[in-house]
């Protein structure tokens, strides 16, 4: 199947680019999906991904599941690239969007070159959450955002709490990582609580 270039942005996004200082998000582009594939393969343990993705699988996934969403008034997935000035530093977005219930799950993955520098990760993640809340609550009229984080990432759980995501439950021994059972932490943020000092 030939790979067609996707439109530049999602039809549902009133602002094609959202900015917070030098950081910004926009609809993910074809030229960025190979970097995203490599990042995902390098961080399989924190993702719902069973095995490495090949370049062919990545192109097929985006051609089948992502590019057709761009033209929909109510897409079920909104993937954005995350940039600092002109440099791609991460990606994520709103997934499992349930328009009838005005909710979505936040997805986020950072270029692994930044992993290990907690201050940098915190700055990037907090700003991204602020941008996603702006997109979800102000631009799209959603009411609820949620996340699922494996317990091996306590720093992300804490950062979510600092950015207005309340802990709502634990899925005990929900996944196996390196031969060990690991809990999943569920957190959520409502539109009425979306504005706070940590919102970018």
N, C-alpha and C. Protein backbone atom coordinates (compact mmCIF):
# COMPACT_ATOMS: atom_id res chain seq x y z
N UNK A 1 0.85 -1.19 0.00
CA UNK A 1 0.00 0.00 0.00
C UNK A 1 0.89 1.24 0.00
N UNK A 2 0.68 2.17 -0.92
CA UNK A 2 1.53 3.36 -0.98
C UNK A 2 1.35 4.23 0.25
N UNK A 3 2.43 4.88 0.66
CA UNK A 3 2.41 5.73 1.85
C UNK A 3 2.14 7.16 1.41
N UNK A 4 0.97 7.67 1.73
CA UNK A 4 0.63 9.04 1.36
C UNK A 4 1.04 9.98 2.49
N UNK A 5 1.41 11.20 2.10
CA UNK A 5 1.75 12.19 3.12
C UNK A 5 0.48 12.59 3.86
N UNK A 6 0.55 12.62 5.20
CA UNK A 6 -0.64 13.01 5.96
C UNK A 6 -0.86 14.51 5.89
N UNK A 7 -2.07 14.98 6.19
CA UNK A 7 -2.28 16.43 6.31
C UNK A 7 -1.37 17.00 7.39
N UNK A 8 -1.21 18.31 7.39
CA UNK A 8 -0.28 18.95 8.31
C UNK A 8 -0.76 18.91 9.76
N UNK A 9 -2.09 18.87 9.96
CA UNK A 9 -2.59 18.92 11.33
C UNK A 9 -3.93 18.20 11.42
N UNK A 10 -4.39 18.02 12.65
CA UNK A 10 -5.69 17.42 12.89
C UNK A 10 -6.78 18.46 12.66
N UNK A 11 -7.85 18.04 11.98
CA UNK A 11 -8.96 18.95 11.72
C UNK A 11 -9.61 19.45 13.01
N UNK A 12 -9.52 18.65 14.08
CA UNK A 12 -10.19 19.01 15.33
C UNK A 12 -9.41 20.03 16.17
N UNK A 13 -8.14 20.29 15.80
CA UNK A 13 -7.31 21.19 16.60
C UNK A 13 -7.47 22.63 16.13
N UNK A 14 -8.11 23.49 16.92
CA UNK A 14 -8.27 24.88 16.51
C UNK A 14 -6.95 25.64 16.45
N UNK A 15 -5.97 25.18 17.24
CA UNK A 15 -4.63 25.77 17.20
C UNK A 15 -3.66 24.67 16.78
N UNK A 16 -3.18 24.70 15.53
CA UNK A 16 -2.29 23.64 15.04
C UNK A 16 -1.00 23.49 15.84
N UNK A 17 -0.55 24.57 16.47
CA UNK A 17 0.64 24.54 17.32
C UNK A 17 0.28 25.14 18.67
N UNK A 18 0.64 24.43 19.75
CA UNK A 18 0.48 24.96 21.10
C UNK A 18 1.87 25.16 21.69
N UNK A 19 2.09 26.32 22.31
CA UNK A 19 3.43 26.65 22.80
C UNK A 19 3.42 26.96 24.28
N UNK A 20 4.56 26.64 24.91
CA UNK A 20 4.84 27.02 26.30
C UNK A 20 6.31 27.43 26.34
N UNK A 21 6.56 28.72 26.15
CA UNK A 21 7.93 29.19 26.06
C UNK A 21 8.59 28.64 24.80
N UNK A 22 9.74 27.98 24.96
CA UNK A 22 10.46 27.42 23.81
C UNK A 22 9.94 26.03 23.43
N UNK A 23 8.98 25.51 24.20
CA UNK A 23 8.45 24.17 23.96
C UNK A 23 7.13 24.26 23.21
N UNK A 24 6.88 23.27 22.35
CA UNK A 24 5.65 23.29 21.57
C UNK A 24 5.24 21.88 21.17
N UNK A 25 3.96 21.74 20.85
CA UNK A 25 3.44 20.49 20.29
C UNK A 25 2.67 20.81 19.02
N UNK A 26 2.70 19.85 18.10
CA UNK A 26 1.93 19.93 16.86
C UNK A 26 1.66 18.50 16.41
N UNK A 27 0.79 18.32 15.44
CA UNK A 27 0.48 16.98 14.96
C UNK A 27 1.76 16.27 14.51
N UNK A 28 1.89 15.00 14.87
CA UNK A 28 3.07 14.24 14.49
C UNK A 28 3.17 14.17 12.97
N UNK A 29 4.39 14.24 12.46
CA UNK A 29 4.62 14.27 11.02
C UNK A 29 5.34 13.00 10.56
N UNK A 30 5.20 12.69 9.28
CA UNK A 30 5.78 11.47 8.72
C UNK A 30 7.29 11.40 8.96
N UNK A 31 7.97 12.52 8.83
CA UNK A 31 9.43 12.54 8.98
C UNK A 31 9.89 12.22 10.40
N UNK A 32 8.96 12.23 11.36
CA UNK A 32 9.33 12.03 12.76
C UNK A 32 9.11 10.59 13.26
N UNK A 33 8.43 9.76 12.47
CA UNK A 33 8.02 8.48 13.02
C UNK A 33 9.15 7.48 13.17
N UNK A 34 10.25 7.65 12.43
CA UNK A 34 11.39 6.74 12.62
C UNK A 34 12.08 7.01 13.95
N UNK A 35 12.25 8.26 14.31
CA UNK A 35 12.82 8.59 15.63
C UNK A 35 11.93 8.05 16.73
N UNK A 36 10.63 8.21 16.57
CA UNK A 36 9.67 7.71 17.57
C UNK A 36 9.78 6.20 17.70
N UNK A 37 9.92 5.50 16.58
CA UNK A 37 10.08 4.05 16.62
C UNK A 37 11.30 3.65 17.45
N UNK A 38 12.41 4.33 17.21
CA UNK A 38 13.63 4.02 17.94
C UNK A 38 13.47 4.29 19.44
N UNK A 39 12.80 5.38 19.79
CA UNK A 39 12.58 5.70 21.20
C UNK A 39 11.72 4.64 21.86
N UNK A 40 10.68 4.20 21.14
CA UNK A 40 9.80 3.17 21.71
C UNK A 40 10.56 1.86 21.93
N UNK A 41 11.35 1.47 20.96
CA UNK A 41 12.10 0.23 21.10
C UNK A 41 13.10 0.29 22.25
N UNK A 42 13.64 1.47 22.52
CA UNK A 42 14.62 1.64 23.60
C UNK A 42 13.97 1.67 24.98
N UNK A 43 12.63 1.85 25.02
CA UNK A 43 11.94 1.99 26.30
C UNK A 43 10.73 1.04 26.41
N UNK A 44 10.89 -0.15 25.85
CA UNK A 44 9.78 -1.11 25.83
C UNK A 44 9.22 -1.38 27.23
N UNK A 45 10.08 -1.42 28.24
CA UNK A 45 9.64 -1.79 29.59
C UNK A 45 8.58 -0.87 30.17
N UNK A 46 8.52 0.36 29.69
CA UNK A 46 7.54 1.30 30.27
C UNK A 46 6.34 1.50 29.35
N UNK A 47 6.28 0.72 28.27
CA UNK A 47 5.21 0.87 27.28
C UNK A 47 4.37 -0.39 27.18
N UNK A 48 3.19 -0.24 26.58
CA UNK A 48 2.36 -1.40 26.25
C UNK A 48 2.81 -1.92 24.88
N UNK A 49 4.00 -2.44 24.86
CA UNK A 49 4.61 -2.90 23.61
C UNK A 49 5.37 -4.18 23.91
N UNK A 50 5.01 -5.26 23.22
CA UNK A 50 5.56 -6.57 23.56
C UNK A 50 6.93 -6.84 22.95
N UNK A 51 7.19 -6.27 21.79
CA UNK A 51 8.44 -6.56 21.09
C UNK A 51 8.85 -5.36 20.24
N UNK A 52 10.12 -5.33 19.79
CA UNK A 52 10.58 -4.19 18.98
C UNK A 52 9.75 -4.03 17.70
N UNK A 53 9.59 -2.77 17.31
CA UNK A 53 8.84 -2.43 16.10
C UNK A 53 9.83 -2.25 14.95
N UNK A 54 9.52 -2.82 13.79
CA UNK A 54 10.36 -2.63 12.60
C UNK A 54 9.94 -1.34 11.89
N UNK A 55 10.81 -0.81 11.03
CA UNK A 55 10.40 0.38 10.26
C UNK A 55 9.14 0.14 9.43
N UNK A 56 9.02 -1.07 8.87
CA UNK A 56 7.84 -1.39 8.06
C UNK A 56 6.57 -1.43 8.91
N UNK A 57 6.69 -1.99 10.10
CA UNK A 57 5.54 -2.02 11.01
C UNK A 57 5.13 -0.62 11.43
N UNK A 58 6.12 0.24 11.67
CA UNK A 58 5.82 1.61 12.08
C UNK A 58 5.08 2.36 10.98
N UNK A 59 5.57 2.25 9.74
CA UNK A 59 4.91 2.94 8.64
C UNK A 59 3.49 2.41 8.43
N UNK A 60 3.34 1.09 8.53
CA UNK A 60 2.02 0.49 8.34
C UNK A 60 1.05 0.93 9.43
N UNK A 61 1.54 1.01 10.67
CA UNK A 61 0.68 1.43 11.78
C UNK A 61 0.18 2.85 11.56
N UNK A 62 1.09 3.75 11.23
CA UNK A 62 0.69 5.14 11.04
C UNK A 62 -0.23 5.29 9.83
N UNK A 63 0.05 4.54 8.75
CA UNK A 63 -0.78 4.63 7.55
C UNK A 63 -2.19 4.13 7.83
N UNK A 64 -2.31 3.11 8.67
CA UNK A 64 -3.62 2.49 8.93
C UNK A 64 -4.37 3.18 10.07
N UNK A 65 -3.66 3.53 11.14
CA UNK A 65 -4.33 3.96 12.37
C UNK A 65 -4.20 5.46 12.70
N UNK A 66 -3.19 6.14 12.19
CA UNK A 66 -2.97 7.54 12.61
C UNK A 66 -3.31 8.54 11.51
N UNK A 67 -2.72 8.41 10.34
CA UNK A 67 -2.98 9.42 9.31
C UNK A 67 -4.47 9.55 8.98
N UNK A 68 -5.26 8.48 8.92
CA UNK A 68 -6.69 8.66 8.64
C UNK A 68 -7.44 9.44 9.72
N UNK A 69 -6.88 9.54 10.93
CA UNK A 69 -7.53 10.27 12.02
C UNK A 69 -7.47 11.79 11.83
N UNK A 70 -6.49 12.24 11.03
CA UNK A 70 -6.27 13.68 10.92
C UNK A 70 -7.49 14.43 10.42
N UNK A 71 -8.24 13.83 9.51
CA UNK A 71 -9.37 14.53 8.89
C UNK A 71 -10.67 14.39 9.68
N UNK A 72 -10.68 13.59 10.73
CA UNK A 72 -11.91 13.34 11.48
C UNK A 72 -12.20 14.49 12.46
N UNK A 73 -13.46 14.82 12.60
CA UNK A 73 -13.87 15.84 13.56
C UNK A 73 -13.67 15.34 14.99
N UNK A 74 -13.80 14.02 15.18
CA UNK A 74 -13.64 13.42 16.51
C UNK A 74 -12.72 12.19 16.42
N UNK A 75 -11.43 12.40 16.26
CA UNK A 75 -10.51 11.27 16.19
C UNK A 75 -10.40 10.55 17.53
N UNK A 76 -10.08 9.27 17.49
CA UNK A 76 -9.90 8.55 18.76
C UNK A 76 -8.46 8.59 19.24
N UNK A 77 -7.56 9.10 18.41
CA UNK A 77 -6.16 9.25 18.78
C UNK A 77 -5.64 10.57 18.21
N UNK A 78 -4.99 11.36 19.06
CA UNK A 78 -4.37 12.61 18.62
C UNK A 78 -2.91 12.55 19.05
N UNK A 79 -2.02 12.21 18.13
CA UNK A 79 -0.60 12.12 18.45
C UNK A 79 0.11 13.40 18.04
N UNK A 80 0.94 13.91 18.93
CA UNK A 80 1.67 15.15 18.67
C UNK A 80 3.16 14.94 18.88
N UNK A 81 3.94 15.68 18.11
CA UNK A 81 5.37 15.71 18.35
C UNK A 81 5.67 16.85 19.31
N UNK A 82 6.66 16.66 20.13
CA UNK A 82 7.02 17.61 21.19
C UNK A 82 8.39 18.16 20.86
N UNK A 83 8.47 19.49 20.74
CA UNK A 83 9.69 20.11 20.26
C UNK A 83 10.18 21.19 21.21
N UNK A 84 11.50 21.33 21.26
CA UNK A 84 12.11 22.48 21.92
C UNK A 84 12.77 23.29 20.83
N UNK A 85 12.19 24.45 20.54
CA UNK A 85 12.55 25.25 19.37
C UNK A 85 12.39 24.34 18.15
N UNK A 86 13.44 24.03 17.41
CA UNK A 86 13.27 23.20 16.21
C UNK A 86 13.72 21.76 16.41
N UNK A 87 13.93 21.35 17.65
CA UNK A 87 14.47 20.01 17.93
C UNK A 87 13.38 19.11 18.50
N UNK A 88 13.23 17.94 17.90
CA UNK A 88 12.27 16.96 18.37
C UNK A 88 12.80 16.33 19.66
N UNK A 89 12.02 16.43 20.75
CA UNK A 89 12.49 15.89 22.04
C UNK A 89 11.58 14.80 22.60
N UNK A 90 10.39 14.63 22.00
CA UNK A 90 9.48 13.63 22.52
C UNK A 90 8.21 13.59 21.69
N UNK A 91 7.29 12.75 22.13
CA UNK A 91 5.99 12.71 21.47
C UNK A 91 4.97 12.14 22.45
N UNK A 92 3.71 12.23 22.07
CA UNK A 92 2.65 11.71 22.92
C UNK A 92 1.33 12.22 22.41
N UNK A 93 0.43 12.50 23.35
CA UNK A 93 -0.85 13.05 22.94
C UNK A 93 -2.00 12.52 23.74
N UNK A 94 -3.17 12.52 23.10
CA UNK A 94 -4.40 12.04 23.71
C UNK A 94 -4.83 10.77 22.98
N UNK A 95 -4.94 9.68 23.72
CA UNK A 95 -5.30 8.39 23.12
C UNK A 95 -6.56 7.86 23.79
N UNK A 96 -7.18 6.89 23.14
CA UNK A 96 -8.45 6.31 23.63
C UNK A 96 -9.44 7.44 23.93
N UNK A 97 -9.53 8.41 23.02
CA UNK A 97 -10.44 9.53 23.23
C UNK A 97 -11.89 9.03 23.13
N UNK A 98 -12.65 9.25 24.19
CA UNK A 98 -14.06 8.88 24.23
C UNK A 98 -14.87 10.17 24.23
N UNK A 99 -15.25 10.63 23.05
CA UNK A 99 -15.91 11.93 22.93
C UNK A 99 -17.24 11.96 23.67
N UNK A 100 -17.98 10.87 23.62
CA UNK A 100 -19.30 10.84 24.28
C UNK A 100 -19.17 11.05 25.78
N UNK A 101 -18.04 10.63 26.32
CA UNK A 101 -17.81 10.76 27.76
C UNK A 101 -16.80 11.86 28.09
N UNK A 102 -16.34 12.56 27.06
CA UNK A 102 -15.45 13.72 27.21
C UNK A 102 -14.19 13.37 28.02
N UNK A 103 -13.55 12.27 27.64
CA UNK A 103 -12.34 11.87 28.34
C UNK A 103 -11.31 11.33 27.37
N UNK A 104 -10.04 11.32 27.82
CA UNK A 104 -8.94 10.75 27.04
C UNK A 104 -7.82 10.36 27.99
N UNK A 105 -6.95 9.51 27.50
CA UNK A 105 -5.75 9.12 28.25
C UNK A 105 -4.56 9.89 27.68
N UNK A 106 -3.69 10.35 28.56
CA UNK A 106 -2.49 11.07 28.14
C UNK A 106 -1.38 10.07 27.88
N UNK A 107 -0.72 10.22 26.74
CA UNK A 107 0.43 9.41 26.37
C UNK A 107 1.64 10.33 26.27
N UNK A 108 2.81 9.84 26.72
CA UNK A 108 4.02 10.68 26.68
C UNK A 108 5.25 9.80 26.62
N UNK A 109 6.18 10.13 25.74
CA UNK A 109 7.47 9.46 25.67
C UNK A 109 8.54 10.47 25.29
N UNK A 110 9.61 10.49 26.06
CA UNK A 110 10.70 11.43 25.85
C UNK A 110 11.85 10.74 25.13
N UNK A 111 12.57 11.49 24.33
CA UNK A 111 13.81 10.99 23.73
C UNK A 111 14.68 10.43 24.87
N UNK A 112 15.10 9.15 24.79
CA UNK A 112 15.83 8.54 25.91
C UNK A 112 17.15 9.22 26.25
N UNK A 113 17.65 10.09 25.39
CA UNK A 113 18.88 10.81 25.70
C UNK A 113 18.70 11.67 26.95
N UNK A 114 17.45 12.05 27.27
CA UNK A 114 17.20 12.90 28.43
C UNK A 114 16.93 12.11 29.70
N UNK A 115 16.68 10.81 29.57
CA UNK A 115 16.36 9.99 30.74
C UNK A 115 17.58 9.92 31.66
N UNK A 116 17.36 10.14 32.94
CA UNK A 116 18.47 10.14 33.89
C UNK A 116 18.72 11.52 34.46
N UNK A 117 18.33 12.56 33.73
CA UNK A 117 18.44 13.93 34.24
C UNK A 117 17.06 14.33 34.77
N UNK A 118 16.85 14.11 36.06
CA UNK A 118 15.51 14.29 36.64
C UNK A 118 14.96 15.70 36.47
N UNK A 119 15.83 16.71 36.57
CA UNK A 119 15.36 18.09 36.44
C UNK A 119 14.88 18.37 35.02
N UNK A 120 15.60 17.86 34.04
CA UNK A 120 15.21 18.07 32.64
C UNK A 120 13.91 17.33 32.36
N UNK A 121 13.83 16.08 32.81
CA UNK A 121 12.61 15.28 32.61
C UNK A 121 11.42 15.97 33.25
N UNK A 122 11.58 16.47 34.47
CA UNK A 122 10.49 17.13 35.17
C UNK A 122 10.02 18.37 34.41
N UNK A 123 10.96 19.17 33.90
CA UNK A 123 10.59 20.38 33.16
C UNK A 123 9.83 20.01 31.89
N UNK A 124 10.35 19.05 31.14
CA UNK A 124 9.71 18.66 29.89
C UNK A 124 8.34 18.03 30.14
N UNK A 125 8.25 17.14 31.13
CA UNK A 125 6.99 16.44 31.38
C UNK A 125 5.93 17.39 31.89
N UNK A 126 6.30 18.27 32.81
CA UNK A 126 5.33 19.23 33.36
C UNK A 126 4.79 20.15 32.27
N UNK A 127 5.66 20.64 31.42
CA UNK A 127 5.21 21.52 30.34
C UNK A 127 4.32 20.76 29.36
N UNK A 128 4.66 19.51 29.08
CA UNK A 128 3.84 18.71 28.18
C UNK A 128 2.45 18.49 28.75
N UNK A 129 2.38 18.19 30.04
CA UNK A 129 1.07 18.00 30.68
C UNK A 129 0.24 19.28 30.60
N UNK A 130 0.88 20.41 30.81
CA UNK A 130 0.18 21.68 30.68
C UNK A 130 -0.38 21.89 29.28
N UNK A 131 0.41 21.53 28.27
CA UNK A 131 -0.04 21.66 26.88
C UNK A 131 -1.18 20.69 26.58
N UNK A 132 -1.11 19.49 27.12
CA UNK A 132 -2.18 18.51 26.89
C UNK A 132 -3.48 18.94 27.57
N UNK A 133 -3.36 19.53 28.76
CA UNK A 133 -4.56 20.03 29.43
C UNK A 133 -5.17 21.19 28.64
N UNK A 134 -4.33 22.04 28.09
CA UNK A 134 -4.83 23.14 27.27
C UNK A 134 -5.55 22.60 26.03
N UNK A 135 -4.93 21.60 25.37
CA UNK A 135 -5.55 20.99 24.20
C UNK A 135 -6.86 20.32 24.56
N UNK A 136 -6.85 19.52 25.61
CA UNK A 136 -8.03 18.73 25.97
C UNK A 136 -9.16 19.59 26.51
N UNK A 137 -8.85 20.43 27.48
CA UNK A 137 -9.90 21.17 28.18
C UNK A 137 -10.32 22.45 27.44
N UNK A 138 -9.36 23.26 27.02
CA UNK A 138 -9.69 24.54 26.39
C UNK A 138 -10.07 24.38 24.93
N UNK A 139 -9.32 23.58 24.18
CA UNK A 139 -9.53 23.50 22.73
C UNK A 139 -10.57 22.46 22.32
N UNK A 140 -10.60 21.32 23.01
CA UNK A 140 -11.46 20.21 22.59
C UNK A 140 -12.69 20.03 23.47
N UNK A 141 -12.76 20.71 24.61
CA UNK A 141 -13.92 20.61 25.47
C UNK A 141 -14.05 19.31 26.23
N UNK A 142 -12.94 18.59 26.41
CA UNK A 142 -12.99 17.37 27.20
C UNK A 142 -13.08 17.71 28.69
N UNK A 143 -13.49 16.75 29.48
CA UNK A 143 -13.68 16.96 30.91
C UNK A 143 -12.69 16.22 31.78
N UNK A 144 -12.10 15.14 31.25
CA UNK A 144 -11.26 14.29 32.09
C UNK A 144 -10.06 13.76 31.31
N UNK A 145 -8.92 13.77 31.96
CA UNK A 145 -7.72 13.12 31.44
C UNK A 145 -7.27 12.08 32.45
N UNK A 146 -6.75 10.97 31.96
CA UNK A 146 -6.26 9.93 32.86
C UNK A 146 -4.91 9.41 32.38
N UNK A 147 -4.21 8.73 33.27
CA UNK A 147 -2.92 8.13 32.94
C UNK A 147 -2.82 6.77 33.63
N UNK A 148 -1.98 5.93 33.06
CA UNK A 148 -1.60 4.67 33.69
C UNK A 148 -0.08 4.59 33.66
N UNK A 149 0.54 4.48 34.84
CA UNK A 149 1.99 4.49 34.95
C UNK A 149 2.45 3.26 35.72
N UNK A 150 3.42 2.54 35.17
CA UNK A 150 3.95 1.38 35.88
C UNK A 150 4.71 1.84 37.12
N UNK A 151 4.60 1.07 38.19
CA UNK A 151 5.17 1.47 39.49
C UNK A 151 6.69 1.55 39.48
N UNK A 152 7.35 1.05 38.42
CA UNK A 152 8.80 1.19 38.32
C UNK A 152 9.20 2.63 37.98
N UNK A 153 8.21 3.51 37.78
CA UNK A 153 8.47 4.92 37.44
C UNK A 153 7.87 5.85 38.51
N UNK A 154 8.32 5.74 39.75
CA UNK A 154 7.72 6.57 40.80
C UNK A 154 7.92 8.06 40.56
N UNK A 155 8.98 8.44 39.86
CA UNK A 155 9.20 9.86 39.58
C UNK A 155 8.09 10.41 38.68
N UNK A 156 7.61 9.61 37.73
CA UNK A 156 6.52 10.07 36.86
C UNK A 156 5.20 10.15 37.63
N UNK A 157 4.98 9.19 38.52
CA UNK A 157 3.78 9.24 39.37
C UNK A 157 3.78 10.53 40.18
N UNK A 158 4.93 10.86 40.77
CA UNK A 158 5.03 12.08 41.58
C UNK A 158 4.84 13.33 40.73
N UNK A 159 5.42 13.34 39.53
CA UNK A 159 5.29 14.51 38.66
C UNK A 159 3.85 14.71 38.21
N UNK A 160 3.15 13.62 37.97
CA UNK A 160 1.73 13.73 37.62
C UNK A 160 0.94 14.36 38.77
N UNK A 161 1.22 13.92 39.99
CA UNK A 161 0.54 14.48 41.15
C UNK A 161 0.83 15.97 41.29
N UNK A 162 2.07 16.35 41.03
CA UNK A 162 2.44 17.77 41.11
C UNK A 162 1.74 18.61 40.04
N UNK A 163 1.27 17.95 38.98
CA UNK A 163 0.62 18.65 37.88
C UNK A 163 -0.89 18.42 37.84
N UNK A 164 -1.47 18.14 39.02
CA UNK A 164 -2.91 18.11 39.13
C UNK A 164 -3.58 16.78 38.86
N UNK A 165 -2.80 15.71 38.68
CA UNK A 165 -3.38 14.38 38.46
C UNK A 165 -3.48 13.65 39.80
N UNK A 166 -4.71 13.36 40.19
CA UNK A 166 -4.97 12.71 41.47
C UNK A 166 -4.87 11.19 41.32
N UNK A 167 -4.24 10.57 42.30
CA UNK A 167 -4.16 9.10 42.30
C UNK A 167 -5.55 8.52 42.52
N UNK A 168 -5.97 7.62 41.63
CA UNK A 168 -7.33 7.09 41.67
C UNK A 168 -7.39 5.58 41.90
N UNK A 169 -6.28 4.91 41.80
CA UNK A 169 -6.32 3.46 42.04
C UNK A 169 -5.03 2.78 41.64
N UNK A 170 -4.97 1.50 41.98
CA UNK A 170 -3.81 0.67 41.66
C UNK A 170 -4.30 -0.64 41.06
N UNK A 171 -3.74 -1.00 39.92
CA UNK A 171 -3.97 -2.33 39.36
C UNK A 171 -2.81 -3.20 39.83
N UNK A 172 -3.07 -4.03 40.81
CA UNK A 172 -2.01 -4.78 41.46
C UNK A 172 -1.43 -5.86 40.55
N UNK A 173 -0.10 -5.92 40.52
CA UNK A 173 0.63 -6.91 39.73
C UNK A 173 0.04 -7.01 38.32
N UNK A 174 -0.10 -5.88 37.70
CA UNK A 174 -0.82 -5.76 36.42
C UNK A 174 0.04 -6.18 35.23
N UNK A 175 1.34 -5.98 35.32
CA UNK A 175 2.26 -6.35 34.24
C UNK A 175 3.46 -7.07 34.82
N UNK A 176 4.18 -7.76 33.96
CA UNK A 176 5.43 -8.42 34.36
C UNK A 176 6.57 -7.74 33.62
N UNK A 177 7.56 -7.27 34.39
CA UNK A 177 8.73 -6.60 33.83
C UNK A 177 9.97 -7.25 34.42
N UNK A 178 10.85 -7.72 33.56
CA UNK A 178 12.07 -8.41 33.99
C UNK A 178 11.75 -9.56 34.95
N UNK A 179 10.67 -10.28 34.64
CA UNK A 179 10.33 -11.45 35.42
C UNK A 179 9.66 -11.18 36.76
N UNK A 180 9.29 -9.93 37.00
CA UNK A 180 8.66 -9.56 38.27
C UNK A 180 7.31 -8.90 38.04
N UNK A 181 6.32 -9.18 38.91
CA UNK A 181 5.02 -8.50 38.77
C UNK A 181 5.13 -7.04 39.22
N UNK A 182 4.49 -6.16 38.46
CA UNK A 182 4.58 -4.72 38.71
C UNK A 182 3.17 -4.13 38.71
N UNK A 183 2.89 -3.25 39.68
CA UNK A 183 1.61 -2.57 39.74
C UNK A 183 1.52 -1.48 38.67
N UNK A 184 0.28 -1.14 38.29
CA UNK A 184 0.01 0.02 37.46
C UNK A 184 -0.72 1.05 38.33
N UNK A 185 -0.25 2.29 38.29
CA UNK A 185 -0.85 3.37 39.07
C UNK A 185 -1.76 4.18 38.15
N UNK A 186 -3.01 4.34 38.56
CA UNK A 186 -3.98 5.10 37.78
C UNK A 186 -4.16 6.49 38.39
N UNK A 187 -4.08 7.52 37.54
CA UNK A 187 -4.24 8.90 37.99
C UNK A 187 -5.15 9.65 37.02
N UNK A 188 -5.84 10.68 37.52
CA UNK A 188 -6.75 11.43 36.67
C UNK A 188 -6.79 12.90 37.03
N UNK A 189 -7.18 13.69 36.04
CA UNK A 189 -7.30 15.14 36.22
C UNK A 189 -8.59 15.58 35.55
N UNK A 190 -9.38 16.40 36.23
CA UNK A 190 -10.63 16.93 35.69
C UNK A 190 -10.44 18.36 35.22
N UNK A 191 -11.25 18.75 34.25
CA UNK A 191 -11.16 20.10 33.70
C UNK A 191 -11.27 21.15 34.80
N UNK A 192 -12.12 20.91 35.78
CA UNK A 192 -12.32 21.89 36.86
C UNK A 192 -11.07 22.04 37.72
N UNK A 193 -10.18 21.05 37.67
CA UNK A 193 -8.92 21.10 38.42
C UNK A 193 -7.73 21.33 37.52
N UNK A 194 -7.98 21.61 36.26
CA UNK A 194 -6.90 21.67 35.27
C UNK A 194 -6.00 22.88 35.37
N UNK A 195 -6.52 23.96 35.97
CA UNK A 195 -5.70 25.16 36.10
C UNK A 195 -5.11 25.24 37.49
N UNK A 196 -3.80 25.26 37.57
CA UNK A 196 -3.09 25.29 38.85
C UNK A 196 -1.68 25.79 38.59
N UNK A 197 -0.87 26.06 39.61
CA UNK A 197 0.45 26.63 39.38
C UNK A 197 1.35 25.82 38.48
N UNK A 198 1.15 24.48 38.41
CA UNK A 198 2.01 23.67 37.57
C UNK A 198 1.60 23.63 36.12
N UNK A 199 0.49 24.29 35.77
CA UNK A 199 0.00 24.24 34.39
C UNK A 199 0.80 25.18 33.53
N UNK A 200 1.44 24.61 32.47
CA UNK A 200 2.35 25.39 31.65
C UNK A 200 1.69 26.45 30.82
